[in-house]
Amino acid sequence: MQYVGLLAPIAFVFALSAIAQVSSLRKEVQELKEELQANEKNR
């Protein structure tokens, strides 16, 4: 049970990394949506 305290900082780092990647993916998806909308208007 005492090992759980040692794993908490590692889990925190992984959580921050996951949040950063989700943010990056959201930005990329938004850019792709805008690109698709621009292509739809050009047709």
Protein backbone atom coordinates (compact mmCIF):
# COMPACT_ATOMS: atom_id res chain seq x y z
CA MET A 1 0.00 0.00 0.00
CA GLN A 2 2.93 2.31 0.62
CA TYR A 3 3.92 2.06 -3.05
CA VAL A 4 0.83 3.99 -4.11
CA GLY A 5 2.38 7.21 -2.78
CA LEU A 6 5.45 6.62 -4.91
CA LEU A 7 3.39 6.12 -8.05
CA ALA A 8 1.36 9.31 -7.65
CA PRO A 9 4.01 11.70 -9.11
CA ILE A 10 4.52 9.41 -12.11
CA ALA A 11 0.77 9.23 -12.70
CA PHE A 12 0.59 13.02 -12.46
CA VAL A 13 3.28 13.42 -15.14
CA PHE A 14 1.49 10.97 -17.42
CA ALA A 15 -1.79 12.82 -16.88
CA LEU A 16 -0.20 16.15 -17.81
CA SER A 17 1.29 14.57 -20.92
CA ALA A 18 -2.09 13.13 -21.91
CA ILE A 19 -3.79 16.52 -21.43
CA ALA A 20 -1.16 18.18 -23.62
CA GLN A 21 -1.64 15.58 -26.35
CA VAL A 22 -5.44 15.92 -26.27
CA SER A 23 -5.06 19.68 -26.58
CA SER A 24 -2.74 19.23 -29.55
CA LEU A 25 -5.16 16.81 -31.22
CA ARG A 26 -8.08 19.19 -30.71
CA LYS A 27 -6.12 21.97 -32.37
CA GLU A 28 -5.22 19.73 -35.30
CA VAL A 29 -8.83 18.55 -35.71
CA GLN A 30 -10.02 22.17 -35.71
CA GLU A 31 -7.49 23.05 -38.42
CA LEU A 32 -8.61 20.08 -40.51
CA LYS A 33 -12.27 21.09 -40.12
CA GLU A 34 -11.48 24.59 -41.32
CA GLU A 35 -9.53 23.20 -44.26
CA LEU A 36 -12.43 20.92 -45.22
CA GLN A 37 -14.90 23.79 -45.00
CA ALA A 38 -12.65 25.92 -47.21
CA ASN A 39 -12.48 23.10 -49.75
CA GLU A 40 -16.27 22.69 -49.69
CA LYS A 41 -16.71 26.39 -50.50
CA ASN A 42 -14.24 26.21 -53.40
CA ARG A 43 -16.19 23.45 -55.18
